[in-house]
């Protein structure tokens, strides 16, 4: 591998590193999934949720509070159905509460 002495973009780096390219693809897919759920999610929750990691057929949502997580738990079956109808292979959605 040739060393560079100048900055390169994430896109350029991902083209040269398959593992990084896969990670970039997963991040983009996770964000697209969250975007697809915006219409099913109450507007008040939009700022409370971030797209998280995809691990096989399980997707994680990062949630800012217990209250938001409780509401999202109620909506999870509808989310899974909606994502499957859009072509994503999602069998479970895990909610992780972010503690800051």
PDB file of N, CA and C in Angstrom:
ATOM      1  N   UNK A   1       0.836  -1.166   0.000  1.00  0.00           N
ATOM      2  CA  UNK A   1       0.000   0.000   0.000  1.00  0.00           C
ATOM      3  C   UNK A   1       0.888   1.238   0.000  1.00  0.00           C
ATOM      4  N   UNK A   2       0.534   2.174  -0.799  1.00  0.00           N
ATOM      5  CA  UNK A   2       1.318   3.398  -0.934  1.00  0.00           C
ATOM      6  C   UNK A   2       0.874   4.417   0.116  1.00  0.00           C
ATOM      7  N   UNK A   3       1.813   5.038   0.784  1.00  0.00           N
ATOM      8  CA  UNK A   3       1.515   6.063   1.788  1.00  0.00           C
ATOM      9  C   UNK A   3       1.212   7.382   1.100  1.00  0.00           C
ATOM     10  N   UNK A   4       0.253   8.075   1.654  1.00  0.00           N
ATOM     11  CA  UNK A   4      -0.119   9.386   1.128  1.00  0.00           C
ATOM     12  C   UNK A   4       0.288  10.452   2.135  1.00  0.00           C
ATOM     13  N   UNK A   5       0.629  11.583   1.624  1.00  0.00           N
ATOM     14  CA  UNK A   5       0.988  12.693   2.494  1.00  0.00           C
ATOM     15  C   UNK A   5      -0.010  13.831   2.348  1.00  0.00           C
ATOM     16  N   UNK A   6      -1.197  13.503   1.875  1.00  0.00           N
ATOM     17  CA  UNK A   6      -2.249  14.499   1.757  1.00  0.00           C
ATOM     18  C   UNK A   6      -3.586  13.848   2.149  1.00  0.00           C
ATOM     19  N   UNK A   7      -4.505  14.675   2.518  1.00  0.00           N
ATOM     20  CA  UNK A   7      -5.813  14.174   2.938  1.00  0.00           C
ATOM     21  C   UNK A   7      -6.591  13.661   1.729  1.00  0.00           C
ATOM     22  N   UNK A   8      -7.360  12.611   1.974  1.00  0.00           N
ATOM     23  CA  UNK A   8      -8.250  12.091   0.934  1.00  0.00           C
ATOM     24  C   UNK A   8      -9.651  12.021   1.509  1.00  0.00           C
ATOM     25  N   UNK A   9     -10.630  11.993   0.639  1.00  0.00           N
ATOM     26  CA  UNK A   9     -12.016  11.951   1.086  1.00  0.00           C
ATOM     27  C   UNK A   9     -12.367  10.542   1.565  1.00  0.00           C
ATOM     28  N   UNK A  10     -13.442  10.455   2.308  1.00  0.00           N
ATOM     29  CA  UNK A  10     -13.924   9.157   2.773  1.00  0.00           C
ATOM     30  C   UNK A  10     -14.278   8.268   1.582  1.00  0.00           C
ATOM     31  N   UNK A  11     -14.840   8.868   0.557  1.00  0.00           N
ATOM     32  CA  UNK A  11     -15.181   8.123  -0.657  1.00  0.00           C
ATOM     33  C   UNK A  11     -13.937   7.504  -1.294  1.00  0.00           C
ATOM     34  N   UNK A  12     -12.873   8.286  -1.394  1.00  0.00           N
ATOM     35  CA  UNK A  12     -11.625   7.761  -1.971  1.00  0.00           C
ATOM     36  C   UNK A  12     -11.055   6.651  -1.099  1.00  0.00           C
ATOM     37  N   UNK A  13     -11.079   6.846   0.203  1.00  0.00           N
ATOM     38  CA  UNK A  13     -10.547   5.832   1.121  1.00  0.00           C
ATOM     39  C   UNK A  13     -11.350   4.552   1.033  1.00  0.00           C
ATOM     40  N   UNK A  14     -12.668   4.673   0.928  1.00  0.00           N
ATOM     41  CA  UNK A  14     -13.509   3.476   0.882  1.00  0.00           C
ATOM     42  C   UNK A  14     -13.329   2.701  -0.419  1.00  0.00           C
ATOM     43  N   UNK A  15     -12.958   3.389  -1.478  1.00  0.00           N
ATOM     44  CA  UNK A  15     -12.699   2.705  -2.744  1.00  0.00           C
ATOM     45  C   UNK A  15     -11.451   1.842  -2.664  1.00  0.00           C
ATOM     46  N   UNK A  16     -10.532   2.209  -1.797  1.00  0.00           N
ATOM     47  CA  UNK A  16      -9.273   1.488  -1.675  1.00  0.00           C
ATOM     48  C   UNK A  16      -9.269   0.453  -0.550  1.00  0.00           C
ATOM     49  N   UNK A  17     -10.288   0.479   0.304  1.00  0.00           N
ATOM     50  CA  UNK A  17     -10.341  -0.438   1.441  1.00  0.00           C
ATOM     51  C   UNK A  17     -11.721  -1.102   1.491  1.00  0.00           C
ATOM     52  N   UNK A  18     -11.816  -2.366   1.115  1.00  0.00           N
ATOM     53  CA  UNK A  18     -13.109  -3.052   1.084  1.00  0.00           C
ATOM     54  C   UNK A  18     -13.855  -3.037   2.421  1.00  0.00           C
ATOM     55  N   UNK A  19     -13.148  -3.172   3.522  1.00  0.00           N
ATOM     56  CA  UNK A  19     -13.815  -3.160   4.824  1.00  0.00           C
ATOM     57  C   UNK A  19     -14.446  -1.802   5.099  1.00  0.00           C
ATOM     58  N   UNK A  20     -13.744  -0.743   4.766  1.00  0.00           N
ATOM     59  CA  UNK A  20     -14.275   0.600   4.943  1.00  0.00           C
ATOM     60  C   UNK A  20     -15.448   0.835   3.996  1.00  0.00           C
ATOM     61  N   UNK A  21     -15.351   0.327   2.786  1.00  0.00           N
ATOM     62  CA  UNK A  21     -16.443   0.459   1.824  1.00  0.00           C
ATOM     63  C   UNK A  21     -17.707  -0.214   2.357  1.00  0.00           C
ATOM     64  N   UNK A  22     -17.566  -1.386   2.966  1.00  0.00           N
ATOM     65  CA  UNK A  22     -18.711  -2.104   3.551  1.00  0.00           C
ATOM     66  C   UNK A  22     -19.313  -1.302   4.697  1.00  0.00           C
ATOM     67  N   UNK A  23     -18.470  -0.713   5.522  1.00  0.00           N
ATOM     68  CA  UNK A  23     -18.944   0.100   6.637  1.00  0.00           C
ATOM     69  C   UNK A  23     -19.718   1.314   6.134  1.00  0.00           C
ATOM     70  N   UNK A  24     -19.198   1.978   5.127  1.00  0.00           N
ATOM     71  CA  UNK A  24     -19.882   3.137   4.549  1.00  0.00           C
ATOM     72  C   UNK A  24     -21.245   2.721   3.996  1.00  0.00           C
ATOM     73  N   UNK A  25     -21.302   1.592   3.332  1.00  0.00           N
ATOM     74  CA  UNK A  25     -22.566   1.082   2.786  1.00  0.00           C
ATOM     75  C   UNK A  25     -23.572   0.810   3.896  1.00  0.00           C
ATOM     76  N   UNK A  26     -23.121   0.198   4.986  1.00  0.00           N
ATOM     77  CA  UNK A  26     -24.022  -0.085   6.111  1.00  0.00           C
ATOM     78  C   UNK A  26     -24.545   1.183   6.763  1.00  0.00           C
ATOM     79  N   UNK A  27     -23.700   2.188   6.898  1.00  0.00           N
ATOM     80  CA  UNK A  27     -24.134   3.462   7.476  1.00  0.00           C
ATOM     81  C   UNK A  27     -25.186   4.111   6.578  1.00  0.00           C
ATOM     82  N   UNK A  28     -24.945   4.103   5.285  1.00  0.00           N
ATOM     83  CA  UNK A  28     -25.907   4.689   4.347  1.00  0.00           C
ATOM     84  C   UNK A  28     -27.234   3.935   4.381  1.00  0.00           C
ATOM     85  N   UNK A  29     -27.172   2.601   4.446  1.00  0.00           N
ATOM     86  CA  UNK A  29     -28.400   1.804   4.503  1.00  0.00           C
ATOM     87  C   UNK A  29     -29.150   2.066   5.808  1.00  0.00           C
ATOM     88  N   UNK A  30     -28.446   2.150   6.909  1.00  0.00           N
ATOM     89  CA  UNK A  30     -29.081   2.410   8.195  1.00  0.00           C
ATOM     90  C   UNK A  30     -29.796   3.758   8.178  1.00  0.00           C
ATOM     91  N   UNK A  31     -29.147   4.771   7.636  1.00  0.00           N
ATOM     92  CA  UNK A  31     -29.770   6.090   7.523  1.00  0.00           C
ATOM     93  C   UNK A  31     -30.980   6.064   6.603  1.00  0.00           C
ATOM     94  N   UNK A  32     -30.911   5.304   5.528  1.00  0.00           N
ATOM     95  CA  UNK A  32     -32.040   5.188   4.596  1.00  0.00           C
ATOM     96  C   UNK A  32     -33.223   4.495   5.273  1.00  0.00           C
ATOM     97  N   UNK A  33     -32.943   3.492   6.080  1.00  0.00           N
ATOM     98  CA  UNK A  33     -34.017   2.806   6.814  1.00  0.00           C
ATOM     99  C   UNK A  33     -34.729   3.779   7.750  1.00  0.00           C
ATOM    100  N   UNK A  34     -33.949   4.551   8.488  1.00  0.00           N
ATOM    101  CA  UNK A  34     -34.559   5.512   9.409  1.00  0.00           C
ATOM    102  C   UNK A  34     -35.388   6.529   8.638  1.00  0.00           C
ATOM    103  N   UNK A  35     -34.879   6.995   7.531  1.00  0.00           N
ATOM    104  CA  UNK A  35     -35.622   7.945   6.695  1.00  0.00           C
ATOM    105  C   UNK A  35     -36.949   7.336   6.234  1.00  0.00           C
ATOM    106  N   UNK A  36     -36.937   6.055   5.903  1.00  0.00           N
ATOM    107  CA  UNK A  36     -38.153   5.367   5.440  1.00  0.00           C
ATOM    108  C   UNK A  36     -39.202   5.267   6.543  1.00  0.00           C
ATOM    109  N   UNK A  37     -38.788   5.324   7.794  1.00  0.00           N
ATOM    110  CA  UNK A  37     -39.720   5.199   8.914  1.00  0.00           C
ATOM    111  C   UNK A  37     -40.289   6.528   9.380  1.00  0.00           C
ATOM    112  N   UNK A  38     -39.779   7.627   8.885  1.00  0.00           N
ATOM    113  CA  UNK A  38     -40.206   8.945   9.361  1.00  0.00           C
ATOM    114  C   UNK A  38     -41.723   9.140   9.266  1.00  0.00           C
ATOM    115  N   UNK A  39     -42.345   8.594   8.234  1.00  0.00           N
ATOM    116  CA  UNK A  39     -43.794   8.790   8.082  1.00  0.00           C
ATOM    117  C   UNK A  39     -44.597   7.986   9.108  1.00  0.00           C
ATOM    118  N   UNK A  40     -44.025   6.929   9.637  1.00  0.00           N
ATOM    119  CA  UNK A  40     -44.715   6.107  10.641  1.00  0.00           C
ATOM    120  C   UNK A  40     -44.460   6.581  12.068  1.00  0.00           C
ATOM    121  N   UNK A  41     -43.485   7.418  12.227  1.00  0.00           N
ATOM    122  CA  UNK A  41     -43.029   7.843  13.551  1.00  0.00           C
ATOM    123  C   UNK A  41     -43.625   9.212  13.902  1.00  0.00           C
ATOM    124  N   UNK A  42     -44.130   9.359  15.124  1.00  0.00           N
ATOM    125  CA  UNK A  42     -44.614  10.691  15.521  1.00  0.00           C
ATOM    126  C   UNK A  42     -43.499  11.735  15.371  1.00  0.00           C
ATOM    127  N   UNK A  43     -43.862  12.896  14.899  1.00  0.00           N
ATOM    128  CA  UNK A  43     -42.879  13.952  14.634  1.00  0.00           C
ATOM    129  C   UNK A  43     -42.053  14.292  15.876  1.00  0.00           C
ATOM    130  N   UNK A  44     -42.652  14.203  17.042  1.00  0.00           N
ATOM    131  CA  UNK A  44     -41.936  14.524  18.276  1.00  0.00           C
ATOM    132  C   UNK A  44     -40.780  13.570  18.540  1.00  0.00           C
ATOM    133  N   UNK A  45     -40.809  12.384  17.935  1.00  0.00           N
ATOM    134  CA  UNK A  45     -39.748  11.402  18.152  1.00  0.00           C
ATOM    135  C   UNK A  45     -38.598  11.522  17.158  1.00  0.00           C
ATOM    136  N   UNK A  46     -38.785  12.244  16.080  1.00  0.00           N
ATOM    137  CA  UNK A  46     -37.751  12.331  15.044  1.00  0.00           C
ATOM    138  C   UNK A  46     -36.399  12.753  15.617  1.00  0.00           C
ATOM    139  N   UNK A  47     -36.399  13.734  16.491  1.00  0.00           N
ATOM    140  CA  UNK A  47     -35.132  14.214  17.043  1.00  0.00           C
ATOM    141  C   UNK A  47     -34.595  13.313  18.155  1.00  0.00           C
ATOM    142  N   UNK A  48     -35.383  12.340  18.574  1.00  0.00           N
ATOM    143  CA  UNK A  48     -34.996  11.450  19.661  1.00  0.00           C
ATOM    144  C   UNK A  48     -34.327  10.164  19.195  1.00  0.00           C
ATOM    145  N   UNK A  49     -34.290   9.949  17.864  1.00  0.00           N
ATOM    146  CA  UNK A  49     -33.826   8.676  17.317  1.00  0.00           C
ATOM    147  C   UNK A  49     -32.722   8.891  16.291  1.00  0.00           C
ATOM    148  N   UNK A  50     -31.721   8.022  16.342  1.00  0.00           N
ATOM    149  CA  UNK A  50     -30.660   8.007  15.336  1.00  0.00           C
ATOM    150  C   UNK A  50     -30.533   6.592  14.793  1.00  0.00           C
ATOM    151  N   UNK A  51     -30.111   6.499  13.557  1.00  0.00           N
ATOM    152  CA  UNK A  51     -29.859   5.192  12.948  1.00  0.00           C
ATOM    153  C   UNK A  51     -28.641   4.568  13.618  1.00  0.00           C
ATOM    154  N   UNK A  52     -28.745   3.297  13.905  1.00  0.00           N
ATOM    155  CA  UNK A  52     -27.650   2.578  14.536  1.00  0.00           C
ATOM    156  C   UNK A  52     -27.125   1.478  13.638  1.00  0.00           C
ATOM    157  N   UNK A  53     -26.345   0.585  14.204  1.00  0.00           N
ATOM    158  CA  UNK A  53     -25.708  -0.465  13.407  1.00  0.00           C
ATOM    159  C   UNK A  53     -26.682  -1.519  12.890  1.00  0.00           C
ATOM    160  N   UNK A  54     -26.307  -2.110  11.768  1.00  0.00           N
ATOM    161  CA  UNK A  54     -27.025  -3.237  11.182  1.00  0.00           C
ATOM    162  C   UNK A  54     -26.155  -4.464  11.405  1.00  0.00           C
ATOM    163  N   UNK A  55     -26.754  -5.496  11.998  1.00  0.00           N
ATOM    164  CA  UNK A  55     -26.035  -6.743  12.226  1.00  0.00           C
ATOM    165  C   UNK A  55     -26.906  -7.881  11.714  1.00  0.00           C
ATOM    166  N   UNK A  56     -26.623  -8.323  10.499  1.00  0.00           N
ATOM    167  CA  UNK A  56     -27.439  -9.366   9.886  1.00  0.00           C
ATOM    168  C   UNK A  56     -28.844  -8.855   9.639  1.00  0.00           C
ATOM    169  N   UNK A  57     -29.849  -9.559  10.198  1.00  0.00           N
ATOM    170  CA  UNK A  57     -31.232  -9.131   9.999  1.00  0.00           C
ATOM    171  C   UNK A  57     -31.762  -8.330  11.196  1.00  0.00           C
ATOM    172  N   UNK A  58     -30.840  -7.901  12.071  1.00  0.00           N
ATOM    173  CA  UNK A  58     -31.207  -7.072  13.218  1.00  0.00           C
ATOM    174  C   UNK A  58     -30.649  -5.671  13.021  1.00  0.00           C
ATOM    175  N   UNK A  59     -31.503  -4.694  13.252  1.00  0.00           N
ATOM    176  CA  UNK A  59     -31.116  -3.299  13.107  1.00  0.00           C
ATOM    177  C   UNK A  59     -31.289  -2.613  14.450  1.00  0.00           C
ATOM    178  N   UNK A  60     -30.422  -1.728  14.784  1.00  0.00           N
ATOM    179  CA  UNK A  60     -30.463  -1.025  16.065  1.00  0.00           C
ATOM    180  C   UNK A  60     -30.815   0.441  15.843  1.00  0.00           C
ATOM    181  N   UNK A  61     -31.711   0.932  16.691  1.00  0.00           N
ATOM    182  CA  UNK A  61     -32.013   2.358  16.730  1.00  0.00           C
ATOM    183  C   UNK A  61     -31.457   2.917  18.027  1.00  0.00           C
ATOM    184  N   UNK A  62     -30.794   4.036  17.947  1.00  0.00           N
ATOM    185  CA  UNK A  62     -30.236   4.697  19.114  1.00  0.00           C
ATOM    186  C   UNK A  62     -31.236   5.747  19.573  1.00  0.00           C
ATOM    187  N   UNK A  63     -31.679   5.638  20.831  1.00  0.00           N
ATOM    188  CA  UNK A  63     -32.775   6.461  21.341  1.00  0.00           C
ATOM    189  C   UNK A  63     -32.277   7.288  22.520  1.00  0.00           C
ATOM    190  N   UNK A  64     -32.757   8.516  22.620  1.00  0.00           N
ATOM    191  CA  UNK A  64     -32.261   9.444  23.647  1.00  0.00           C
ATOM    192  C   UNK A  64     -32.914   9.292  25.019  1.00  0.00           C
ATOM    193  N   UNK A  65     -34.093   8.655  25.114  1.00  0.00           N
ATOM    194  CA  UNK A  65     -34.755   8.570  26.414  1.00  0.00           C
ATOM    195  C   UNK A  65     -35.566   7.286  26.537  1.00  0.00           C
ATOM    196  N   UNK A  66     -35.864   6.933  27.779  1.00  0.00           N
ATOM    197  CA  UNK A  66     -36.706   5.766  28.041  1.00  0.00           C
ATOM    198  C   UNK A  66     -38.109   5.968  27.486  1.00  0.00           C
ATOM    199  N   UNK A  67     -38.637   7.171  27.624  1.00  0.00           N
ATOM    200  CA  UNK A  67     -39.987   7.453  27.145  1.00  0.00           C
ATOM    201  C   UNK A  67     -40.076   7.250  25.633  1.00  0.00           C
ATOM    202  N   UNK A  68     -39.093   7.759  24.917  1.00  0.00           N
ATOM    203  CA  UNK A  68     -39.078   7.587  23.458  1.00  0.00           C
ATOM    204  C   UNK A  68     -38.923   6.114  23.104  1.00  0.00           C
ATOM    205  N   UNK A  69     -38.089   5.399  23.834  1.00  0.00           N
ATOM    206  CA  UNK A  69     -37.892   3.971  23.566  1.00  0.00           C
ATOM    207  C   UNK A  69     -39.182   3.195  23.796  1.00  0.00           C
ATOM    208  N   UNK A  70     -39.933   3.549  24.838  1.00  0.00           N
ATOM    209  CA  UNK A  70     -41.198   2.858  25.101  1.00  0.00           C
ATOM    210  C   UNK A  70     -42.185   3.048  23.962  1.00  0.00           C
ATOM    211  N   UNK A  71     -42.285   4.252  23.442  1.00  0.00           N
ATOM    212  CA  UNK A  71     -43.191   4.505  22.312  1.00  0.00           C
ATOM    213  C   UNK A  71     -42.716   3.763  21.068  1.00  0.00           C
ATOM    214  N   UNK A  72     -41.406   3.778  20.819  1.00  0.00           N
ATOM    215  CA  UNK A  72     -40.870   3.081  19.645  1.00  0.00           C
ATOM    216  C   UNK A  72     -41.084   1.569  19.745  1.00  0.00           C
ATOM    217  N   UNK A  73     -41.003   1.015  20.962  1.00  0.00           N
ATOM    218  CA  UNK A  73     -41.254  -0.425  21.142  1.00  0.00           C
ATOM    219  C   UNK A  73     -42.651  -0.794  20.659  1.00  0.00           C
ATOM    220  N   UNK A  74     -43.608   0.075  20.908  1.00  0.00           N
ATOM    221  CA  UNK A  74     -44.982  -0.168  20.461  1.00  0.00           C
ATOM    222  C   UNK A  74     -45.079  -0.162  18.934  1.00  0.00           C
ATOM    223  N   UNK A  75     -44.245   0.625  18.294  1.00  0.00           N
ATOM    224  CA  UNK A  75     -44.295   0.779  16.838  1.00  0.00           C
ATOM    225  C   UNK A  75     -43.406  -0.220  16.098  1.00  0.00           C
ATOM    226  N   UNK A  76     -42.562  -0.943  16.815  1.00  0.00           N
ATOM    227  CA  UNK A  76     -41.585  -1.829  16.183  1.00  0.00           C
ATOM    228  C   UNK A  76     -42.193  -2.826  15.197  1.00  0.00           C
ATOM    229  N   UNK A  77     -43.291  -3.511  15.525  1.00  0.00           N
ATOM    230  CA  UNK A  77     -43.852  -4.440  14.525  1.00  0.00           C
ATOM    231  C   UNK A  77     -44.238  -3.752  13.212  1.00  0.00           C
ATOM    232  N   UNK A  78     -44.809  -2.562  13.299  1.00  0.00           N
ATOM    233  CA  UNK A  78     -45.164  -1.816  12.082  1.00  0.00           C
ATOM    234  C   UNK A  78     -43.912  -1.395  11.329  1.00  0.00           C
ATOM    235  N   UNK A  79     -42.868  -1.014  12.060  1.00  0.00           N
ATOM    236  CA  UNK A  79     -41.603  -0.639  11.421  1.00  0.00           C
ATOM    237  C   UNK A  79     -41.022  -1.808  10.630  1.00  0.00           C
ATOM    238  N   UNK A  80     -41.005  -2.984  11.245  1.00  0.00           N
ATOM    239  CA  UNK A  80     -40.437  -4.169  10.586  1.00  0.00           C
ATOM    240  C   UNK A  80     -41.222  -4.493   9.320  1.00  0.00           C
ATOM    241  N   UNK A  81     -42.529  -4.480   9.418  1.00  0.00           N
ATOM    242  CA  UNK A  81     -43.368  -4.756   8.241  1.00  0.00           C
ATOM    243  C   UNK A  81     -43.097  -3.745   7.138  1.00  0.00           C
ATOM    244  N   UNK A  82     -43.025  -2.484   7.496  1.00  0.00           N
ATOM    245  CA  UNK A  82     -42.791  -1.418   6.514  1.00  0.00           C
ATOM    246  C   UNK A  82     -41.432  -1.595   5.824  1.00  0.00           C
ATOM    247  N   UNK A  83     -40.415  -1.890   6.606  1.00  0.00           N
ATOM    248  CA  UNK A  83     -39.084  -2.067   6.024  1.00  0.00           C
ATOM    249  C   UNK A  83     -39.021  -3.293   5.126  1.00  0.00           C
ATOM    250  N   UNK A  84     -39.667  -4.373   5.531  1.00  0.00           N
ATOM    251  CA  UNK A  84     -39.700  -5.580   4.689  1.00  0.00           C
ATOM    252  C   UNK A  84     -40.417  -5.292   3.374  1.00  0.00           C
ATOM    253  N   UNK A  85     -41.502  -4.530   3.443  1.00  0.00           N
ATOM    254  CA  UNK A  85     -42.239  -4.180   2.219  1.00  0.00           C
ATOM    255  C   UNK A  85     -41.409  -3.311   1.281  1.00  0.00           C
ATOM    256  N   UNK A  86     -40.425  -2.624   1.839  1.00  0.00           N
ATOM    257  CA  UNK A  86     -39.532  -1.786   1.023  1.00  0.00           C
ATOM    258  C   UNK A  86     -38.290  -2.532   0.578  1.00  0.00           C
ATOM    259  N   UNK A  87     -38.207  -3.841   0.918  1.00  0.00           N
ATOM    260  CA  UNK A  87     -37.126  -4.670   0.407  1.00  0.00           C
ATOM    261  C   UNK A  87     -35.962  -4.927   1.347  1.00  0.00           C
ATOM    262  N   UNK A  88     -36.033  -4.418   2.571  1.00  0.00           N
ATOM    263  CA  UNK A  88     -34.953  -4.655   3.525  1.00  0.00           C
ATOM    264  C   UNK A  88     -35.239  -5.919   4.324  1.00  0.00           C
ATOM    265  N   UNK A  89     -34.213  -6.682   4.571  1.00  0.00           N
ATOM    266  CA  UNK A  89     -34.322  -7.916   5.341  1.00  0.00           C
ATOM    267  C   UNK A  89     -34.120  -7.584   6.819  1.00  0.00           C
ATOM    268  N   UNK A  90     -35.211  -7.232   7.493  1.00  0.00           N
ATOM    269  CA  UNK A  90     -35.172  -6.862   8.910  1.00  0.00           C
ATOM    270  C   UNK A  90     -36.148  -7.764   9.652  1.00  0.00           C
ATOM    271  N   UNK A  91     -35.637  -8.534  10.585  1.00  0.00           N
ATOM    272  CA  UNK A  91     -36.495  -9.395  11.396  1.00  0.00           C
ATOM    273  C   UNK A  91     -36.588  -8.932  12.835  1.00  0.00           C
ATOM    274  N   UNK A  92     -35.714  -8.018  13.227  1.00  0.00           N
ATOM    275  CA  UNK A  92     -35.750  -7.482  14.589  1.00  0.00           C
ATOM    276  C   UNK A  92     -35.172  -6.077  14.602  1.00  0.00           C
ATOM    277  N   UNK A  93     -35.743  -5.256  15.456  1.00  0.00           N
ATOM    278  CA  UNK A  93     -35.211  -3.924  15.684  1.00  0.00           C
ATOM    279  C   UNK A  93     -34.906  -3.829  17.178  1.00  0.00           C
ATOM    280  N   UNK A  94     -33.665  -3.542  17.453  1.00  0.00           N
ATOM    281  CA  UNK A  94     -33.196  -3.400  18.825  1.00  0.00           C
ATOM    282  C   UNK A  94     -33.128  -1.908  19.156  1.00  0.00           C
ATOM    283  N   UNK A  95     -33.548  -1.547  20.345  1.00  0.00           N
ATOM    284  CA  UNK A  95     -33.496  -0.149  20.775  1.00  0.00           C
ATOM    285  C   UNK A  95     -32.425  -0.004  21.839  1.00  0.00           C
ATOM    286  N   UNK A  96     -31.542   0.937  21.648  1.00  0.00           N
ATOM    287  CA  UNK A  96     -30.482   1.179  22.628  1.00  0.00           C
ATOM    288  C   UNK A  96     -30.600   2.622  23.104  1.00  0.00           C
ATOM    289  N   UNK A  97     -30.776   2.771  24.390  1.00  0.00           N
ATOM    290  CA  UNK A  97     -30.910   4.097  24.966  1.00  0.00           C
ATOM    291  C   UNK A  97     -29.527   4.685  25.172  1.00  0.00           C
ATOM    292  N   UNK A  98     -29.324   5.860  24.620  1.00  0.00           N
ATOM    293  CA  UNK A  98     -28.037   6.551  24.713  1.00  0.00           C
ATOM    294  C   UNK A  98     -27.967   7.299  26.031  1.00  0.00           C
ATOM    295  N   UNK A  99     -26.949   7.042  26.792  1.00  0.00           N
ATOM    296  CA  UNK A  99     -26.741   7.750  28.050  1.00  0.00           C
ATOM    297  C   UNK A  99     -25.582   8.721  27.866  1.00  0.00           C
ATOM    298  N   UNK A 100     -25.846   9.965  28.122  1.00  0.00           N
ATOM    299  CA  UNK A 100     -24.815  10.992  27.960  1.00  0.00           C
ATOM    300  C   UNK A 100     -24.640  11.781  29.221  1.00  0.00           C
TER     301      UNK A 100
END
